[in-house]
């Protein structure tokens, strides 16, 4: 007799607790599971992060690679940076509280996963979605939209809330036992945390994988560069730099990105070739990138701000080195800007 076909599932792994549990539930039924993670620049395992000194000793779990390691599964990372732009810039279903196009995003990711499934001869898709957990993409009326508009249809299984939904093909075909799935509902995380402990995950990731487009400050910075550019567009450099530093826009024509400590200064060094940059000479202080077109007056103001965030004393002149993109160098001697001048300004982005 021919050997029975081995059923295979592909799980969307965000890096959060829900996707970890959803994959584990299906693995416990003896099904082969692999993970898939998408990099958009705003989420995904390739998203660059900076660890500040105060956070160095904290354990960091919010990573799809960490989740895949805990599960012992293969993780496929797909770069969707360019493809994601239309989803963000013109979402069919609109935005959430900030610039998060959650419903369009989830539909797009499931559609990409369905395409991958067909290419690699897998049988169904797993997500960690829970009815009622998110106000935009995980409502009872929006979960069917994701399945339909992604063309995943009944190949999309949500193990954590499956008992609240109509049976899918993996259930009706006998690939998975519906009785061993769950009926989680609502925004409480207590059932997930309890299940994680039941599975033996004593250390586990944050409940959600995290997306920068749900962060109010990050979105304010993104809107700021759109206004400055007079177009809704972005580059990888733009979105990486929005994640770090202190952002000040003293004038409409330029912005300063100021390292707050050594880790951020080190990160900002990766971008020195693309920007005019400055830093204090002979005393400790930040590396500062200048984003925009500046004149001599602008450079002086930028140097005064740089001096303010250095170890220089308020009444002491500070030497600030300025390096232009053609590698020519200038040294400005300035007094640090006073705290009240910065506090009273509307420069902070």
Protein backbone atom coordinates (compact mmCIF):
# COMPACT_ATOMS: atom_id res chain seq x y z
CA UNK A 1 0.00 0.00 0.00
CA UNK A 2 1.23 3.54 -0.69
CA UNK A 3 2.63 5.39 2.30
CA UNK A 4 0.27 7.83 3.98
CA UNK A 5 1.01 11.42 3.03
CA UNK A 6 2.76 13.47 5.71
CA UNK A 7 0.68 16.58 6.39
CA UNK A 8 2.70 19.82 6.54
CA UNK A 9 1.68 23.23 7.88
CA UNK A 10 3.32 26.63 7.53
CA UNK A 11 2.94 28.95 10.53
CA UNK A 12 3.14 32.73 10.44
CA UNK A 13 5.69 33.47 13.17
CA UNK A 14 5.58 37.08 14.32
CA UNK A 15 7.85 36.64 17.29
CA UNK A 16 5.01 36.95 19.81
CA UNK A 17 3.42 34.51 22.21
CA UNK A 18 0.33 33.72 20.13
CA UNK A 19 2.19 32.46 17.07
CA UNK A 20 4.45 30.37 19.32
CA UNK A 21 1.44 28.69 20.91
CA UNK A 22 -0.50 28.21 17.67
CA UNK A 23 2.42 26.38 16.07
CA UNK A 24 2.97 24.26 19.18
CA UNK A 25 -0.70 23.20 19.32
CA UNK A 26 -0.46 21.80 15.80
CA UNK A 27 2.97 20.25 16.33
CA UNK A 28 1.53 18.37 19.30
CA UNK A 29 -0.81 16.62 16.87
CA UNK A 30 2.16 15.13 15.05
CA UNK A 31 2.04 17.51 12.09
CA UNK A 32 5.22 18.82 10.48
CA UNK A 33 5.35 22.59 11.00
CA UNK A 34 7.71 25.19 9.58
CA UNK A 35 7.62 28.92 10.20
CA UNK A 36 7.50 31.95 7.92
CA UNK A 37 8.35 35.53 8.87
CA UNK A 38 8.10 38.65 6.73
CA UNK A 39 10.44 41.65 6.87
CA UNK A 40 8.79 44.96 5.97
CA UNK A 41 11.16 47.27 7.82
CA UNK A 42 8.45 47.91 10.42
CA UNK A 43 8.29 44.30 11.58
CA UNK A 44 10.20 41.12 10.88
CA UNK A 45 13.40 39.50 12.10
CA UNK A 46 15.65 41.72 9.98
CA UNK A 47 14.36 44.88 11.64
CA UNK A 48 17.41 46.59 13.14
CA UNK A 49 17.18 47.38 16.81
CA UNK A 50 19.54 49.16 19.19
CA UNK A 51 20.10 47.96 22.73
CA UNK A 52 20.52 50.85 25.12
CA UNK A 53 22.75 50.43 28.16
CA UNK A 54 19.79 50.44 30.55
CA UNK A 55 18.30 47.49 28.63
CA UNK A 56 21.45 45.40 28.17
CA UNK A 57 20.65 42.93 30.95
CA UNK A 58 17.02 42.46 29.94
CA UNK A 59 16.19 39.22 28.17
CA UNK A 60 14.89 39.87 24.68
CA UNK A 61 12.31 37.47 23.31
CA UNK A 62 10.34 39.44 20.75
CA UNK A 63 11.97 37.66 17.84
CA UNK A 64 10.73 35.14 15.32
CA UNK A 65 14.14 33.49 15.31
CA UNK A 66 13.90 32.95 19.07
CA UNK A 67 10.40 31.47 18.72
CA UNK A 68 11.53 29.12 15.93
CA UNK A 69 14.44 27.98 18.09
CA UNK A 70 12.13 27.22 21.02
CA UNK A 71 9.90 25.18 18.74
CA UNK A 72 12.79 23.51 16.94
CA UNK A 73 11.39 24.39 13.53
CA UNK A 74 12.82 25.81 10.33
CA UNK A 75 12.10 29.50 9.78
CA UNK A 76 11.75 31.04 6.31
CA UNK A 77 12.35 34.81 6.23
CA UNK A 78 10.86 36.70 3.27
CA UNK A 79 11.79 40.30 2.43
CA UNK A 80 8.63 42.23 1.48
CA UNK A 81 10.03 45.75 1.91
CA UNK A 82 9.10 46.96 -1.57
CA UNK A 83 5.83 45.02 -1.82
CA UNK A 84 4.61 46.35 1.52
CA UNK A 85 4.77 50.02 0.50
CA UNK A 86 1.36 50.13 -1.26
CA UNK A 87 -0.19 48.35 1.73
CA UNK A 88 1.05 51.05 4.09
CA UNK A 89 0.58 54.07 1.85
CA UNK A 90 -2.93 53.28 0.60
CA UNK A 91 -4.66 50.58 2.67
CA UNK A 92 -8.02 49.45 1.36
CA UNK A 93 -9.40 49.03 4.88
CA UNK A 94 -7.74 52.08 6.40
CA UNK A 95 -5.56 52.53 9.49
CA UNK A 96 -5.85 51.67 13.14
CA UNK A 97 -5.05 54.12 15.92
CA UNK A 98 -1.78 55.16 14.26
CA UNK A 99 -0.39 54.22 10.83
CA UNK A 100 -1.10 50.53 11.24
CA UNK A 101 -3.03 49.06 8.28
CA UNK A 102 -3.64 45.87 10.27
CA UNK A 103 -6.43 44.30 8.23
CA UNK A 104 -4.74 44.94 4.88
CA UNK A 105 -1.41 43.81 6.33
CA UNK A 106 -2.71 40.52 7.71
CA UNK A 107 -4.52 39.78 4.46
CA UNK A 108 -1.37 40.49 2.47
CA UNK A 109 0.83 38.30 4.70
CA UNK A 110 -1.61 35.40 4.54
CA UNK A 111 -1.82 35.76 0.75
CA UNK A 112 1.99 35.66 0.53
CA UNK A 113 1.99 32.59 2.75
CA UNK A 114 -0.63 30.90 0.56
CA UNK A 115 1.62 31.51 -2.46
CA UNK A 116 4.57 30.03 -0.57
CA UNK A 117 2.45 27.03 0.47
CA UNK A 118 1.58 26.20 -3.13
CA UNK A 119 5.20 26.51 -4.22
CA UNK A 120 6.48 24.20 -1.49
CA UNK A 121 3.69 21.62 -1.41
CA UNK A 122 2.47 22.37 2.11
CA UNK A 123 -1.11 21.70 3.12
CA UNK A 124 -2.42 24.51 5.32
CA UNK A 125 -1.60 27.77 7.11
CA UNK A 126 -1.46 28.47 10.86
CA UNK A 127 -1.81 31.88 12.48
CA UNK A 128 -1.99 32.93 16.13
CA UNK A 129 -5.08 35.09 15.69
CA UNK A 130 -7.73 35.17 18.42
CA UNK A 131 -11.30 36.42 17.98
CA UNK A 132 -11.75 39.79 19.65
CA UNK A 133 -8.09 40.28 20.50
CA UNK A 134 -7.32 43.18 18.18
CA UNK A 135 -9.80 45.94 17.36
CA UNK A 136 -9.10 46.05 13.65
CA UNK A 137 -7.89 42.74 12.22
CA UNK A 138 -9.09 40.17 14.76
CA UNK A 139 -12.80 40.84 15.11
CA UNK A 140 -15.45 38.24 14.36
CA UNK A 141 -16.43 40.19 11.25
CA UNK A 142 -12.89 40.79 9.97
CA UNK A 143 -11.35 37.33 10.38
CA UNK A 144 -13.43 36.04 7.42
CA UNK A 145 -12.21 39.01 5.33
CA UNK A 146 -8.60 37.91 5.84
CA UNK A 147 -9.40 34.36 4.76
CA UNK A 148 -11.40 35.45 1.71
CA UNK A 149 -9.31 38.33 0.38
CA UNK A 150 -6.04 36.41 0.85
CA UNK A 151 -7.52 33.45 -1.08
CA UNK A 152 -6.44 31.17 1.77
CA UNK A 153 -10.10 30.39 2.45
CA UNK A 154 -10.50 27.21 4.53
CA UNK A 155 -6.77 26.41 4.41
CA UNK A 156 -6.31 29.05 7.11
CA UNK A 157 -6.45 27.53 10.59
CA UNK A 158 -6.39 29.59 13.79
CA UNK A 159 -5.71 26.97 16.47
CA UNK A 160 -6.15 29.30 19.46
CA UNK A 161 -9.72 30.29 18.60
CA UNK A 162 -10.78 27.56 16.14
CA UNK A 163 -13.68 26.39 18.30
CA UNK A 164 -15.27 29.83 17.92
CA UNK A 165 -15.11 29.57 14.11
CA UNK A 166 -16.48 27.28 11.41
CA UNK A 167 -14.39 24.15 10.82
CA UNK A 168 -11.63 24.50 8.23
CA UNK A 169 -10.33 21.92 5.76
CA UNK A 170 -7.55 20.70 8.10
CA UNK A 171 -10.32 19.82 10.57
CA UNK A 172 -12.92 18.40 8.16
CA UNK A 173 -10.28 16.39 6.29
CA UNK A 174 -9.11 14.83 9.53
CA UNK A 175 -5.61 16.30 9.41
CA UNK A 176 -6.08 17.86 12.84
CA UNK A 177 -8.34 16.99 15.74
CA UNK A 178 -10.70 19.92 16.36
CA UNK A 179 -11.20 18.79 19.97
CA UNK A 180 -7.53 19.49 20.66
CA UNK A 181 -7.84 23.09 19.44
CA UNK A 182 -8.93 26.05 21.57
CA UNK A 183 -11.72 28.60 21.87
CA UNK A 184 -9.88 31.66 23.19
CA UNK A 185 -11.77 34.92 22.87
CA UNK A 186 -11.21 38.56 23.78
CA UNK A 187 -8.22 40.63 24.80
CA UNK A 188 -7.22 38.87 28.00
CA UNK A 189 -3.82 37.15 27.75
CA UNK A 190 -4.34 34.93 30.76
CA UNK A 191 -5.40 31.85 28.72
CA UNK A 192 -2.30 32.16 26.51
CA UNK A 193 0.01 32.58 29.47
CA UNK A 194 -1.53 29.56 31.18
CA UNK A 195 -1.17 27.49 28.00
CA UNK A 196 2.46 28.57 27.62
CA UNK A 197 3.21 27.29 31.12
CA UNK A 198 1.33 24.07 30.38
CA UNK A 199 3.57 23.55 27.35
CA UNK A 200 6.66 24.17 29.49
CA UNK A 201 7.53 27.63 28.20
CA UNK A 202 8.61 29.36 31.40
CA UNK A 203 10.27 32.19 29.49
CA UNK A 204 8.22 33.33 26.55
CA UNK A 205 7.87 36.33 24.27
CA UNK A 206 5.61 39.32 24.66
CA UNK A 207 1.99 38.56 23.72
CA UNK A 208 2.34 40.27 20.31
CA UNK A 209 5.24 40.29 17.88
CA UNK A 210 5.32 44.07 17.72
CA UNK A 211 4.98 46.47 14.81
CA UNK A 212 6.48 49.95 14.73
CA UNK A 213 3.42 51.26 12.91
CA UNK A 214 1.42 50.87 16.13
CA UNK A 215 3.88 53.10 18.01
CA UNK A 216 2.61 56.69 18.32
CA UNK A 217 6.04 58.34 18.50
CA UNK A 218 7.43 56.34 15.60
CA UNK A 219 4.44 57.25 13.43
CA UNK A 220 4.81 60.93 14.33
CA UNK A 221 8.40 60.74 13.08
CA UNK A 222 7.29 59.00 9.89
CA UNK A 223 4.65 61.66 9.25
CA UNK A 224 7.31 64.31 9.87
CA UNK A 225 9.59 63.04 7.11
CA UNK A 226 6.61 62.78 4.75
CA UNK A 227 5.83 66.42 5.40
CA UNK A 228 9.46 67.41 4.95
CA UNK A 229 9.77 65.47 1.67
CA UNK A 230 6.30 66.61 0.55
CA UNK A 231 5.56 63.04 -0.50
CA UNK A 232 4.45 59.85 1.21
CA UNK A 233 7.45 57.67 0.55
CA UNK A 234 10.35 56.21 2.51
CA UNK A 235 13.64 54.38 2.16
CA UNK A 236 15.24 51.70 4.33
CA UNK A 237 17.55 54.38 5.69
CA UNK A 238 14.56 56.52 6.68
CA UNK A 239 12.79 53.83 8.62
CA UNK A 240 15.92 52.51 10.32
CA UNK A 241 16.86 55.98 11.55
CA UNK A 242 13.36 56.64 12.87
CA UNK A 243 13.93 53.84 15.41
CA UNK A 244 16.81 55.46 17.26
CA UNK A 245 18.02 58.67 18.81
CA UNK A 246 16.51 62.01 19.71
CA UNK A 247 14.89 63.66 16.68
CA UNK A 248 14.74 67.47 16.54
CA UNK A 249 13.61 69.64 13.62
CA UNK A 250 14.80 73.20 14.44
CA UNK A 251 13.76 74.43 11.00
CA UNK A 252 11.55 73.00 8.25
CA UNK A 253 14.55 72.38 5.98
CA UNK A 254 16.52 70.07 8.27
CA UNK A 255 16.31 67.60 11.12
CA UNK A 256 18.89 66.41 13.65
CA UNK A 257 19.18 62.78 14.73
CA UNK A 258 21.09 62.78 18.00
CA UNK A 259 22.60 59.69 19.61
CA UNK A 260 21.50 59.40 23.24
CA UNK A 261 24.27 57.06 24.35
CA UNK A 262 27.09 54.88 23.09
CA UNK A 263 24.91 52.18 21.53
CA UNK A 264 23.01 54.72 19.44
CA UNK A 265 26.18 56.59 18.47
CA UNK A 266 27.60 53.30 17.24
CA UNK A 267 24.44 52.59 15.25
CA UNK A 268 24.41 56.07 13.70
CA UNK A 269 28.01 55.63 12.51
CA UNK A 270 26.65 53.19 9.91
CA UNK A 271 24.98 56.14 8.15
CA UNK A 272 27.78 58.72 8.22
CA UNK A 273 28.50 58.43 4.50
CA UNK A 274 24.97 59.57 3.62
CA UNK A 275 24.69 62.64 5.85
CA UNK A 276 26.54 65.65 7.13
CA UNK A 277 27.40 64.73 10.68
CA UNK A 278 28.95 66.38 13.71
CA UNK A 279 30.24 65.58 17.18
CA UNK A 280 32.08 67.43 19.96
CA UNK A 281 35.88 67.40 20.02
CA UNK A 282 37.85 66.52 23.17
CA UNK A 283 34.73 65.90 25.31
CA UNK A 284 32.12 63.17 25.42
CA UNK A 285 29.00 63.82 23.43
CA UNK A 286 26.61 62.57 20.77
CA UNK A 287 27.08 61.75 17.14
CA UNK A 288 24.55 63.90 15.27
CA UNK A 289 23.30 63.32 11.72
CA UNK A 290 21.85 66.25 9.75
CA UNK A 291 19.00 65.23 7.49
CA UNK A 292 18.24 67.98 4.99
CA UNK A 293 19.86 70.93 3.24
CA UNK A 294 21.58 73.41 5.54
CA UNK A 295 23.39 76.76 5.34
CA UNK A 296 26.06 78.22 7.62
CA UNK A 297 23.47 79.55 10.08
CA UNK A 298 21.78 76.15 10.27
CA UNK A 299 25.12 74.44 10.93
CA UNK A 300 25.86 76.85 13.80
CA UNK A 301 22.47 76.11 15.38
CA UNK A 302 23.04 72.37 14.93
CA UNK A 303 26.46 72.69 16.57
CA UNK A 304 24.96 74.57 19.53
CA UNK A 305 22.41 71.79 19.99
CA UNK A 306 25.15 69.16 19.69
CA UNK A 307 27.14 70.97 22.38
CA UNK A 308 24.05 71.08 24.61
CA UNK A 309 23.84 67.28 24.59
CA UNK A 310 27.57 66.87 25.25
CA UNK A 311 29.43 67.00 28.58
CA UNK A 312 30.21 70.67 27.96
CA UNK A 313 29.23 73.19 30.65
CA UNK A 314 26.71 75.89 29.67
CA UNK A 315 29.13 78.83 29.73
CA UNK A 316 32.04 77.04 28.07
CA UNK A 317 32.75 77.28 24.36
CA UNK A 318 32.71 73.88 22.74
CA UNK A 319 34.52 72.71 19.63
CA UNK A 320 32.22 70.77 17.33
CA UNK A 321 33.62 68.89 14.36
CA UNK A 322 31.49 68.97 11.20
CA UNK A 323 32.09 66.39 8.44
CA UNK A 324 30.42 66.94 5.07
CA UNK A 325 29.41 64.23 2.64
CA UNK A 326 32.47 65.00 0.48
CA UNK A 327 34.55 64.35 3.62
CA UNK A 328 35.66 67.95 4.01
CA UNK A 329 35.86 69.00 7.65
CA UNK A 330 35.09 72.17 9.57
CA UNK A 331 35.36 72.94 13.29
CA UNK A 332 32.88 75.31 14.89
CA UNK A 333 33.32 76.94 18.30
CA UNK A 334 29.96 77.50 19.93
CA UNK A 335 28.27 77.88 23.29
CA UNK A 336 25.84 75.10 24.17
CA UNK A 337 22.22 76.00 23.60
CA UNK A 338 20.40 76.59 26.88
CA UNK A 339 17.96 73.98 28.18
CA UNK A 340 15.08 76.42 28.24
CA UNK A 341 15.59 77.20 24.55
CA UNK A 342 15.13 73.56 23.65
CA UNK A 343 12.36 72.88 26.17
CA UNK A 344 10.35 75.85 24.95
CA UNK A 345 10.72 74.89 21.30
CA UNK A 346 8.47 72.77 19.13
CA UNK A 347 11.43 70.97 17.65
CA UNK A 348 10.93 67.54 19.14
CA UNK A 349 9.64 64.98 16.67
